[in-house]
Amino acid sequence: MVNIPVITRRELSSYFLSPMAYVVLTGFALSHGILFSLGIGSRIEPNMQAYYAFYITLFLLILAAPVLTMRLVSEETNQGTIETLMTTPVTELEVVIGKFMGALVFAAVMFLPIVVQVVYLRFLGPVDVGPVLAGFLGLFLLTGQLLAIGLLCSALTRVQIASAIISFAILIGLYFMWYLGQGSPGMGAAVLRYLSPPWHYVNFAKGVVDTRDVAYFVITTGLFLFLTVRALQLRKWR
């Protein structure tokens, strides 16, 4: 595991040396700021505005996560550098965790506008610290899950745009499972709701921390990372 920090720093350097990273940062900040400005109103209490700030992040992450992860493995596979990396004294698990952590740290930088918005809301009126911290916890867990899905798609493809399209399709499908499961009391609807990330994330955005929601994000993120490790291991034997 000593190689994970090295791989993480390598991925962060790659992000900040890429023009696409600054496009994503700028686009995310502008989009979030515009949606936040359009959505808040002087008659809405600051706590509800904070909930809105976290909620709109969900939609932007569905767009940003595929872009952030599409190059992590597929670019190296296409250029042939993944074989060189895998012949060094590192394990597939270290490679996956290192790349995942690099993407997660970079994603955390994108959330700085949300911190600014929450601080701004403090000037409009009292904002409960508890729901805000719960919102950031949910945001961190949700981001980890979405990035893990994108990382798996990147490991399964050789073309970056293909990775982005596949991961975007999966994330959209998971999002609409929430709507398909609403309004029906059946077991099938309950399963759809439980498998959908927004159903769990909204609880955090409302300030509710449920251990079942935490377990959902941790287990699914670990599952997708495990599948990514297996994908790299199978590639080695080809």
Protein backbone atom coordinates (compact mmCIF):
# COMPACT_ATOMS: atom_id res chain seq x y z
CA MET A 1 0.00 0.00 0.00
CA VAL A 2 3.04 2.29 0.13
CA ASN A 3 2.64 3.01 -3.59
CA ILE A 4 -0.87 4.44 -3.27
CA PRO A 5 0.25 8.00 -2.32
CA VAL A 6 2.70 7.99 -5.23
CA ILE A 7 0.01 6.96 -7.72
CA THR A 8 -2.42 9.47 -6.19
CA ARG A 9 0.06 12.33 -6.65
CA ARG A 10 0.73 11.14 -10.19
CA GLU A 11 -2.95 11.26 -11.05
CA LEU A 12 -3.42 14.67 -9.45
CA SER A 13 -0.53 16.04 -11.47
CA SER A 14 -2.08 14.63 -14.62
CA TYR A 15 -5.37 16.32 -13.80
CA PHE A 16 -3.91 19.76 -13.20
CA LEU A 17 -1.70 19.54 -16.29
CA SER A 18 -4.72 18.77 -18.47
CA PRO A 19 -6.79 21.59 -20.00
CA MET A 20 -9.88 19.39 -19.66
CA ALA A 21 -9.54 19.52 -15.87
CA TYR A 22 -9.83 23.31 -15.86
CA VAL A 23 -12.78 23.11 -18.23
CA VAL A 24 -14.53 20.78 -15.79
CA LEU A 25 -13.67 22.98 -12.80
CA THR A 26 -14.88 26.13 -14.53
CA GLY A 27 -17.98 24.51 -15.98
CA PHE A 28 -18.95 22.97 -12.65
CA ALA A 29 -18.46 26.22 -10.73
CA LEU A 30 -20.38 28.33 -13.26
CA SER A 31 -23.22 25.85 -13.65
CA HIS A 32 -23.59 25.37 -9.91
CA GLY A 33 -23.45 29.11 -9.28
CA ILE A 34 -26.08 29.89 -11.93
CA LEU A 35 -28.46 27.15 -10.75
CA PHE A 36 -27.96 28.21 -7.15
CA SER A 37 -28.68 31.86 -7.98
CA LEU A 38 -31.82 30.94 -9.92
CA GLY A 39 -33.10 28.58 -7.26
CA ILE A 40 -32.71 30.57 -4.06
CA GLY A 41 -35.29 33.09 -2.95
CA SER A 42 -35.42 35.58 -0.13
CA ARG A 43 -38.56 33.92 1.31
CA ILE A 44 -36.94 30.50 1.56
CA GLU A 45 -35.15 29.81 4.82
CA PRO A 46 -31.37 29.32 4.57
CA ASN A 47 -31.55 25.65 5.60
CA MET A 48 -33.76 24.86 2.60
CA GLN A 49 -31.43 26.81 0.35
CA ALA A 50 -28.52 24.74 1.66
CA TYR A 51 -30.53 21.60 0.81
CA TYR A 52 -31.06 22.97 -2.70
CA ALA A 53 -27.32 23.62 -3.06
CA PHE A 54 -26.56 19.98 -2.27
CA TYR A 55 -29.41 18.67 -4.40
CA ILE A 56 -28.38 20.38 -7.63
CA THR A 57 -24.87 18.96 -7.16
CA LEU A 58 -26.32 15.52 -7.89
CA PHE A 59 -27.20 16.46 -11.47
CA LEU A 60 -23.84 18.10 -12.13
CA LEU A 61 -21.94 15.10 -10.77
CA ILE A 62 -23.69 12.82 -13.26
CA LEU A 63 -22.15 14.98 -15.98
CA ALA A 64 -18.76 15.54 -14.34
CA ALA A 65 -17.92 12.04 -13.06
CA PRO A 66 -17.67 10.38 -16.51
CA VAL A 67 -15.38 13.17 -17.73
CA LEU A 68 -13.14 12.93 -14.67
CA THR A 69 -12.73 9.16 -14.89
CA MET A 70 -12.72 8.44 -18.63
CA ARG A 71 -8.95 8.81 -18.98
CA LEU A 72 -7.83 7.06 -15.79
CA VAL A 73 -7.26 3.62 -17.33
CA SER A 74 -8.46 3.78 -20.95
CA GLU A 75 -5.89 6.44 -21.87
CA GLU A 76 -3.04 4.35 -20.52
CA THR A 77 -4.46 1.26 -22.21
CA ASN A 78 -4.68 3.05 -25.54
CA GLN A 79 -1.14 4.43 -25.24
CA GLY A 80 0.29 1.14 -23.98
CA THR A 81 1.59 2.62 -20.72
CA ILE A 82 -0.69 0.49 -18.55
CA GLU A 83 1.52 -2.53 -19.24
CA THR A 84 4.56 -0.58 -18.13
CA LEU A 85 2.79 0.49 -14.97
CA MET A 86 1.68 -3.04 -14.16
CA THR A 87 5.22 -4.43 -14.59
CA THR A 88 6.50 -2.15 -11.84
CA PRO A 89 6.37 -3.45 -8.25
CA VAL A 90 2.78 -2.35 -7.67
CA THR A 91 -0.38 -4.41 -7.31
CA GLU A 92 -3.62 -3.94 -9.21
CA LEU A 93 -5.27 -2.90 -5.95
CA GLU A 94 -2.71 -0.15 -5.40
CA VAL A 95 -3.21 1.13 -8.95
CA VAL A 96 -6.99 1.21 -8.59
CA ILE A 97 -7.00 2.83 -5.13
CA GLY A 98 -4.36 5.37 -6.17
CA LYS A 99 -6.24 6.42 -9.29
CA PHE A 100 -9.52 6.50 -7.36
CA MET A 101 -8.05 8.68 -4.62
CA GLY A 102 -6.55 11.05 -7.17
CA ALA A 103 -9.95 11.51 -8.82
CA LEU A 104 -11.67 11.89 -5.43
CA VAL A 105 -9.25 14.58 -4.25
CA PHE A 106 -9.67 16.47 -7.51
CA ALA A 107 -13.45 16.21 -7.21
CA ALA A 108 -13.19 17.66 -3.70
CA VAL A 109 -11.66 20.79 -5.25
CA MET A 110 -14.80 21.18 -7.36
CA PHE A 111 -16.89 21.45 -4.21
CA LEU A 112 -15.28 24.70 -3.06
CA PRO A 113 -18.10 26.77 -4.63
CA ILE A 114 -20.59 24.89 -2.44
CA VAL A 115 -18.59 25.87 0.64
CA VAL A 116 -18.73 29.50 -0.51
CA GLN A 117 -22.48 29.24 -1.04
CA VAL A 118 -23.04 27.81 2.44
CA VAL A 119 -20.96 30.62 3.94
CA TYR A 120 -23.04 33.10 1.96
CA LEU A 121 -26.23 31.59 3.37
CA ARG A 122 -24.89 32.16 6.88
CA PHE A 123 -25.15 35.88 6.21
CA LEU A 124 -28.81 35.54 5.17
CA GLY A 125 -29.88 33.80 8.35
CA PRO A 126 -29.13 30.95 10.74
CA VAL A 127 -28.00 27.71 9.12
CA ASP A 128 -27.88 24.51 11.15
CA VAL A 129 -24.40 23.04 11.12
CA GLY A 130 -25.65 19.46 11.48
CA PRO A 131 -27.57 19.25 8.18
CA VAL A 132 -24.72 20.99 6.36
CA LEU A 133 -22.16 18.48 7.64
CA ALA A 134 -24.54 15.65 6.75
CA GLY A 135 -24.88 17.09 3.26
CA PHE A 136 -21.13 17.18 2.76
CA LEU A 137 -20.82 13.62 4.07
CA GLY A 138 -23.43 12.44 1.60
CA LEU A 139 -21.74 14.40 -1.18
CA PHE A 140 -18.41 12.73 -0.40
CA LEU A 141 -19.96 9.24 -0.36
CA LEU A 142 -21.96 9.84 -3.54
CA THR A 143 -18.92 11.19 -5.37
CA GLY A 144 -16.89 8.16 -4.38
CA GLN A 145 -19.55 5.83 -5.76
CA LEU A 146 -19.90 7.69 -9.07
CA LEU A 147 -16.14 7.84 -9.55
CA ALA A 148 -15.83 4.12 -8.81
CA ILE A 149 -18.41 3.41 -11.53
CA GLY A 150 -16.56 5.63 -13.98
CA LEU A 151 -13.23 4.02 -13.10
CA LEU A 152 -14.64 0.56 -13.85
CA CYS A 153 -15.93 1.75 -17.23
CA SER A 154 -12.51 3.23 -17.99
CA ALA A 155 -10.88 -0.11 -17.16
CA LEU A 156 -13.21 -1.95 -19.52
CA THR A 157 -12.63 0.25 -22.57
CA ARG A 158 -9.70 1.50 -24.64
CA VAL A 159 -11.32 4.73 -25.87
CA GLN A 160 -11.93 7.60 -23.48
CA ILE A 161 -15.13 8.81 -25.10
CA ALA A 162 -16.54 5.28 -24.99
CA SER A 163 -15.80 5.13 -21.27
CA ALA A 164 -17.54 8.48 -20.71
CA ILE A 165 -20.62 7.44 -22.70
CA ILE A 166 -20.98 4.09 -20.94
CA SER A 167 -20.54 5.53 -17.45
CA PHE A 168 -22.93 8.40 -18.23
CA ALA A 169 -25.55 5.91 -19.44
CA ILE A 170 -25.15 3.86 -16.25
CA LEU A 171 -25.44 6.93 -14.01
CA ILE A 172 -28.52 8.18 -15.85
CA GLY A 173 -30.06 4.73 -15.54
CA LEU A 174 -29.39 4.63 -11.81
CA TYR A 175 -30.89 8.09 -11.43
CA PHE A 176 -34.13 7.25 -13.26
CA MET A 177 -34.51 4.07 -11.20
CA TRP A 178 -35.43 6.46 -8.38
CA TYR A 179 -38.35 7.86 -10.38
CA LEU A 180 -39.46 4.44 -11.60
CA GLY A 181 -39.63 3.25 -7.99
CA GLN A 182 -41.72 6.17 -6.75
CA GLY A 183 -45.46 5.95 -6.29
CA SER A 184 -45.60 2.17 -6.09
CA PRO A 185 -45.73 0.08 -2.90
CA GLY A 186 -44.56 -3.15 -4.55
CA MET A 187 -41.36 -5.04 -3.82
CA GLY A 188 -39.98 -4.30 -7.27
CA ALA A 189 -40.40 -0.56 -6.73
CA ALA A 190 -38.70 -0.80 -3.34
CA VAL A 191 -35.73 -2.57 -4.93
CA LEU A 192 -35.44 0.10 -7.63
CA ARG A 193 -35.49 2.85 -5.03
CA TYR A 194 -32.86 1.16 -2.89
CA LEU A 195 -30.50 0.61 -5.83
CA SER A 196 -30.75 4.25 -6.90
CA PRO A 197 -28.07 6.60 -5.46
CA PRO A 198 -30.35 9.70 -5.35
CA TRP A 199 -32.77 7.93 -2.99
CA HIS A 200 -29.98 7.59 -0.42
CA TYR A 201 -28.28 10.92 -1.16
CA VAL A 202 -31.42 13.01 -0.65
CA ASN A 203 -31.55 11.88 2.98
CA PHE A 204 -28.08 13.34 3.56
CA ALA A 205 -29.04 16.56 1.76
CA LYS A 206 -31.98 16.86 4.19
CA GLY A 207 -29.62 16.44 7.13
CA VAL A 208 -30.51 12.82 7.90
CA VAL A 209 -27.58 10.43 8.41
CA ASP A 210 -28.84 6.84 8.26
CA THR A 211 -26.34 4.01 8.68
CA ARG A 212 -28.18 2.10 5.96
CA ASP A 213 -27.44 4.89 3.49
CA VAL A 214 -23.79 5.01 4.58
CA ALA A 215 -23.52 1.23 4.18
CA TYR A 216 -25.10 1.42 0.73
CA PHE A 217 -22.52 3.90 -0.58
CA VAL A 218 -19.54 2.21 1.08
CA ILE A 219 -20.50 -1.29 -0.11
CA THR A 220 -21.32 -0.28 -3.69
CA THR A 221 -18.15 1.83 -3.99
CA GLY A 222 -16.08 -1.09 -2.70
CA LEU A 223 -17.85 -3.44 -5.13
CA PHE A 224 -17.08 -1.31 -8.18
CA LEU A 225 -13.46 -0.87 -7.10
CA PHE A 226 -13.17 -4.65 -6.63
CA LEU A 227 -14.56 -5.21 -10.13
CA THR A 228 -12.01 -2.73 -11.49
CA VAL A 229 -9.20 -4.65 -9.81
CA ARG A 230 -10.51 -7.87 -11.34
CA ALA A 231 -10.68 -6.23 -14.77
CA LEU A 232 -7.00 -5.25 -14.53
CA GLN A 233 -6.05 -8.71 -13.32
CA LEU A 234 -7.85 -10.38 -16.22
CA ARG A 235 -6.14 -8.02 -18.66
CA LYS A 236 -2.75 -9.12 -17.36
CA TRP A 237 -3.46 -12.73 -18.35
CA ARG A 238 -4.57 -11.94 -21.88
